[in-house]
Amino acid sequence: MGNKAKLRAVVEGNAFSALIQFLILASAVAFALESGAPGPELHPHWHYFLILDWVFFVLFAAEYILRLYIAPKKRAFIFSFYGIIDLLAILPSLFLVPGFRVLRTLRFLRVFRIFKATRFILAVDRLTEALSEIKRELLALVILSLMLVYLAACGIYYFEREAQPEAFGSIPDSMWWAVVTLTTIGYGDVYPSTAGGKFFTALVALVGVGLIAIPSGLLASVLTEARVERRKVEEGETERED
C-alpha cells in the first residue's frame, strides 16, 4: 500500500472523522460566543477568540490540503460541493491579516464551517442524489413561483393601490406581500383592507398551499424510490452471500 493510500485510509477513518466533527462543533460554539463580544477595543479577552480562529484556520486548512492531496481528481474535488464548503470554511479567517481589515465583515462567512458536518451525515448523499434527479422539476417550479409572485403582486396592487398607497404603491412594493402570502408565512405587516383585496388574498393563499406541497411531494417520492431500490440491492447481496 502506497503512502497516498495509507493517508487516504487515515483521512477516511473514524478517528479522523470524529476529530473533524469535534472541531466543527467547537468552531460553531466559538463563533456563537464571539457574536456577543463588543469588539477588540472593549472586550478584554478578544485575543482568545483571535487565537482560536487561527487554530481552526490552520487545522481546517490542513484538512483541506490533505483531502486535495489524496483526491484522485483534484479539479473535481475543488469544484465539488464538499470541496467548496471546505474552502469557505478557511477563507474567512484570512481577513484577520492586517492587510485585509477592510474586509473584516466578510469573516461572518465562517458560519459556513457548520456545513462541513454534512460530509459525515450519510443521508445527505441520498438527499443530494434525489435533488439531482428532480432538478428539472425544481427549476420549473422556481420559474412558476416567480411568475406567481409577479402576478400576485400585480393583482394586489390593482385592488389596494388606492386604499393603501404606502404599502401597495407600486408592483415592486407589493412583491413583499406576494412572497409572504404565497409561502403561507403571513407576517401581518401588510394586508388587504378592501373586499376585492381580501378575496384575491384568499385565492393567492390557496395557491400558495399547493405550491409549497409540490416540492415536498417530489422529494418524498424520489427518496422513497431510492430507499426501495437500495433495499432490493441489499437483499440481492445477502442472497448471493448465502
Protein backbone atom coordinates (compact mmCIF):
# COMPACT_ATOMS: atom_id res chain seq x y z
CA MET A 1 0.00 0.00 0.00
CA GLY A 2 1.47 3.36 -1.05
CA ASN A 3 1.83 6.43 1.13
CA LYS A 4 -1.14 8.15 -0.51
CA ALA A 5 -3.33 5.10 0.02
CA LYS A 6 -2.33 4.92 3.69
CA LEU A 7 -3.04 8.62 4.11
CA ARG A 8 -6.44 8.18 2.43
CA ALA A 9 -7.27 5.38 4.86
CA VAL A 10 -6.44 7.69 7.78
CA VAL A 11 -8.41 10.66 6.43
CA GLU A 12 -11.44 8.49 5.72
CA GLY A 13 -11.15 6.65 9.04
CA ASN A 14 -13.43 7.00 12.06
CA ALA A 15 -10.83 8.69 14.29
CA PHE A 16 -10.09 11.47 11.80
CA SER A 17 -13.81 11.97 11.13
CA ALA A 18 -14.50 12.24 14.87
CA LEU A 19 -11.73 14.84 15.23
CA ILE A 20 -13.11 16.98 12.40
CA GLN A 21 -16.64 16.74 13.81
CA PHE A 22 -15.34 17.93 17.19
CA LEU A 23 -13.54 20.86 15.53
CA ILE A 24 -16.70 21.81 13.62
CA LEU A 25 -18.72 21.82 16.86
CA ALA A 26 -16.03 23.77 18.73
CA SER A 27 -15.83 26.31 15.89
CA ALA A 28 -19.62 26.79 15.91
CA VAL A 29 -19.59 27.35 19.71
CA ALA A 30 -16.71 29.84 19.47
CA PHE A 31 -18.46 31.70 16.66
CA ALA A 32 -21.65 31.95 18.73
CA LEU A 33 -19.77 33.21 21.81
CA GLU A 34 -17.82 35.75 19.78
CA SER A 35 -21.08 37.24 18.45
CA GLY A 36 -21.78 38.65 21.93
CA ALA A 37 -18.36 40.27 22.27
CA PRO A 38 -18.44 44.08 21.88
CA GLY A 39 -15.25 44.20 19.82
CA PRO A 40 -11.46 44.13 20.16
CA GLU A 41 -11.31 47.62 21.68
CA LEU A 42 -13.79 46.86 24.51
CA HIS A 43 -13.50 43.11 25.12
CA PRO A 44 -10.54 42.25 27.41
CA HIS A 45 -10.36 38.64 26.20
CA TRP A 46 -10.80 39.27 22.48
CA HIS A 47 -7.34 37.83 21.77
CA TYR A 48 -8.60 34.41 22.86
CA PHE A 49 -11.15 34.47 20.06
CA LEU A 50 -8.38 35.53 17.70
CA ILE A 51 -6.14 32.64 18.75
CA LEU A 52 -9.00 30.16 18.46
CA ASP A 53 -9.82 31.40 14.98
CA TRP A 54 -6.24 30.91 13.86
CA VAL A 55 -6.18 27.40 15.36
CA PHE A 56 -9.34 26.46 13.47
CA PHE A 57 -7.94 28.04 10.33
CA VAL A 58 -4.70 26.02 10.49
CA LEU A 59 -6.47 22.73 11.25
CA PHE A 60 -9.19 23.14 8.62
CA ALA A 61 -6.60 24.30 6.07
CA ALA A 62 -4.51 21.21 6.82
CA GLU A 63 -7.57 19.02 6.34
CA TYR A 64 -8.36 20.72 3.03
CA ILE A 65 -4.79 20.22 1.77
CA LEU A 66 -4.85 16.56 2.83
CA ARG A 67 -8.15 15.89 1.07
CA LEU A 68 -6.89 17.69 -2.04
CA TYR A 69 -3.67 15.66 -1.97
CA ILE A 70 -5.42 12.27 -1.75
CA ALA A 71 -8.18 13.16 -4.22
CA PRO A 72 -7.92 11.07 -7.43
CA LYS A 73 -9.21 14.02 -9.47
CA LYS A 74 -8.11 17.24 -7.81
CA ARG A 75 -10.06 19.59 -10.08
CA ALA A 76 -13.24 17.60 -9.46
CA PHE A 77 -12.67 17.82 -5.69
CA ILE A 78 -12.04 21.59 -5.76
CA PHE A 79 -15.34 22.28 -7.53
CA SER A 80 -17.35 19.62 -5.71
CA PHE A 81 -19.91 20.53 -3.02
CA TYR A 82 -17.68 19.41 -0.16
CA GLY A 83 -14.60 20.98 -1.73
CA ILE A 84 -16.30 24.37 -1.92
CA ILE A 85 -17.62 24.06 1.65
CA ASP A 86 -14.14 23.15 2.93
CA LEU A 87 -12.67 26.16 1.15
CA LEU A 88 -15.35 28.51 2.51
CA ALA A 89 -14.52 27.21 6.00
CA ILE A 90 -10.96 28.53 5.82
CA LEU A 91 -11.07 31.62 3.58
CA PRO A 92 -12.84 33.98 6.05
CA SER A 93 -10.02 33.59 8.59
CA LEU A 94 -7.64 35.26 6.12
CA PHE A 95 -9.44 38.53 6.87
CA LEU A 96 -7.66 38.54 10.24
CA VAL A 97 -4.49 39.53 8.39
CA PRO A 98 -3.85 43.29 8.87
CA GLY A 99 -3.93 43.98 5.14
CA PHE A 100 -7.44 42.54 4.93
CA ARG A 101 -9.03 44.52 7.77
CA VAL A 102 -11.21 46.44 5.36
CA LEU A 103 -12.89 43.11 4.55
CA ARG A 104 -13.31 42.14 8.19
CA THR A 105 -17.10 41.93 7.91
CA LEU A 106 -16.71 39.09 5.43
CA ARG A 107 -15.40 36.94 8.27
CA PHE A 108 -19.04 36.29 9.02
CA LEU A 109 -18.73 33.64 6.31
CA ARG A 110 -17.14 31.43 8.98
CA VAL A 111 -20.70 30.29 9.59
CA PHE A 112 -20.18 28.03 6.56
CA ARG A 113 -17.95 25.82 8.71
CA ILE A 114 -21.06 24.19 10.11
CA PHE A 115 -21.83 22.80 6.63
CA LYS A 116 -18.67 20.71 6.83
CA ALA A 117 -20.64 18.41 9.12
CA THR A 118 -22.78 17.32 6.17
CA ARG A 119 -19.84 15.19 4.98
CA PHE A 120 -20.43 12.88 7.94
CA ILE A 121 -24.20 12.57 7.53
CA LEU A 122 -24.84 9.56 5.29
CA ALA A 123 -28.37 10.67 4.41
CA VAL A 124 -27.03 13.85 2.80
CA ASP A 125 -25.65 11.86 -0.15
CA ARG A 126 -29.05 10.27 -0.69
CA LEU A 127 -30.73 13.67 -0.47
CA THR A 128 -28.23 15.15 -2.95
CA GLU A 129 -28.91 12.37 -5.42
CA ALA A 130 -32.66 12.86 -5.02
CA LEU A 131 -32.36 16.59 -5.67
CA SER A 132 -30.25 15.88 -8.73
CA GLU A 133 -32.96 13.60 -10.16
CA ILE A 134 -35.68 16.24 -9.84
CA LYS A 135 -33.57 19.29 -10.71
CA ARG A 136 -35.57 19.99 -13.88
CA GLU A 137 -38.84 19.84 -11.99
CA LEU A 138 -37.43 22.10 -9.29
CA LEU A 139 -36.19 24.60 -11.88
CA ALA A 140 -39.65 24.64 -13.48
CA LEU A 141 -41.16 25.16 -10.03
CA VAL A 142 -38.84 28.10 -9.33
CA ILE A 143 -39.82 29.74 -12.62
CA LEU A 144 -43.50 29.12 -11.89
CA SER A 145 -43.10 30.57 -8.39
CA LEU A 146 -41.51 33.75 -9.75
CA MET A 147 -44.36 34.11 -12.23
CA LEU A 148 -46.93 33.67 -9.46
CA VAL A 149 -45.17 36.24 -7.27
CA TYR A 150 -45.30 38.73 -10.12
CA LEU A 151 -48.96 38.03 -10.92
CA ALA A 152 -49.96 38.17 -7.24
CA ALA A 153 -48.14 41.49 -6.83
CA CYS A 154 -49.92 42.89 -9.89
CA GLY A 155 -53.29 41.71 -8.60
CA ILE A 156 -52.98 43.11 -5.07
CA TYR A 157 -51.60 46.36 -6.49
CA TYR A 158 -54.77 46.72 -8.57
CA PHE A 159 -57.05 46.14 -5.55
CA GLU A 160 -55.14 48.02 -2.85
CA ARG A 161 -53.20 50.84 -4.52
CA GLU A 162 -55.78 53.50 -3.69
CA ALA A 163 -56.70 52.21 -0.22
CA GLN A 164 -53.10 51.67 0.95
CA PRO A 165 -50.68 53.60 -1.29
CA GLU A 166 -47.95 53.43 1.38
CA ALA A 167 -47.91 49.60 1.34
CA PHE A 168 -49.06 48.84 -2.21
CA GLY A 169 -47.99 51.97 -4.06
CA SER A 170 -46.22 50.01 -6.79
CA ILE A 171 -45.85 46.46 -8.04
CA PRO A 172 -42.30 46.09 -6.61
CA ASP A 173 -43.64 47.20 -3.20
CA SER A 174 -46.43 44.65 -3.49
CA MET A 175 -43.98 41.79 -4.16
CA TRP A 176 -43.11 41.53 -0.46
CA TRP A 177 -46.77 40.85 0.31
CA ALA A 178 -46.89 38.34 -2.58
CA VAL A 179 -43.88 36.36 -1.30
CA VAL A 180 -45.15 36.29 2.29
CA THR A 181 -48.64 35.21 1.21
CA LEU A 182 -47.61 32.58 -1.34
CA THR A 183 -45.24 30.97 1.15
CA THR A 184 -48.11 30.96 3.70
CA ILE A 185 -45.94 32.78 6.27
CA GLY A 186 -48.29 35.71 6.74
CA TYR A 187 -46.33 38.15 8.91
CA GLY A 188 -49.26 40.54 9.05
CA ASP A 189 -47.16 43.69 8.50
CA VAL A 190 -49.09 44.40 5.27
CA TYR A 191 -52.53 43.03 4.49
CA PRO A 192 -55.51 43.95 2.27
CA SER A 193 -58.31 46.16 3.53
CA THR A 194 -60.70 46.15 0.55
CA ALA A 195 -63.22 43.39 -0.18
CA GLY A 196 -61.61 42.66 -3.54
CA GLY A 197 -58.16 42.55 -1.98
CA LYS A 198 -59.30 40.10 0.71
CA PHE A 199 -60.92 37.78 -1.83
CA PHE A 200 -57.82 37.91 -4.02
CA THR A 201 -55.63 37.18 -0.99
CA ALA A 202 -57.68 34.09 -0.18
CA LEU A 203 -57.11 32.77 -3.70
CA VAL A 204 -53.39 33.50 -3.54
CA ALA A 205 -53.10 31.77 -0.15
CA LEU A 206 -54.81 28.63 -1.51
CA VAL A 207 -52.42 28.58 -4.46
CA GLY A 208 -49.52 29.04 -2.05
CA VAL A 209 -50.50 25.95 -0.03
CA GLY A 210 -50.35 23.84 -3.19
CA LEU A 211 -47.11 25.48 -4.28
CA ILE A 212 -45.39 24.57 -1.00
CA ALA A 213 -46.64 20.98 -1.16
CA ILE A 214 -45.28 20.25 -4.67
CA PRO A 215 -41.50 20.12 -3.89
CA SER A 216 -42.15 18.18 -0.69
CA GLY A 217 -44.13 15.56 -2.64
CA LEU A 218 -41.50 15.32 -5.39
CA LEU A 219 -38.67 14.88 -2.90
CA ALA A 220 -40.57 12.34 -0.81
CA SER A 221 -41.37 10.30 -3.93
CA VAL A 222 -37.76 10.20 -5.14
CA LEU A 223 -36.41 9.36 -1.67
CA THR A 224 -38.93 6.53 -1.31
CA GLU A 225 -37.93 5.08 -4.69
CA ALA A 226 -34.24 5.34 -3.77
CA ARG A 227 -34.87 3.58 -0.47
CA VAL A 228 -36.77 0.74 -2.17
CA GLU A 229 -34.03 0.27 -4.78
CA ARG A 230 -31.33 0.28 -2.12
CA ARG A 231 -33.25 -2.33 -0.10
CA LYS A 232 -33.52 -4.55 -3.20
CA VAL A 233 -29.77 -4.25 -3.77
CA GLU A 234 -29.01 -5.14 -0.16
CA GLU A 235 -31.37 -8.12 -0.29
CA GLY A 236 -29.72 -9.31 -3.52
CA GLU A 237 -26.25 -9.05 -1.97
CA THR A 238 -27.45 -11.02 1.08
CA GLU A 239 -28.90 -13.78 -1.12
CA ARG A 240 -25.62 -14.08 -3.06
CA GLU A 241 -23.65 -14.36 0.18
CA ASP A 242 -25.98 -17.17 1.35
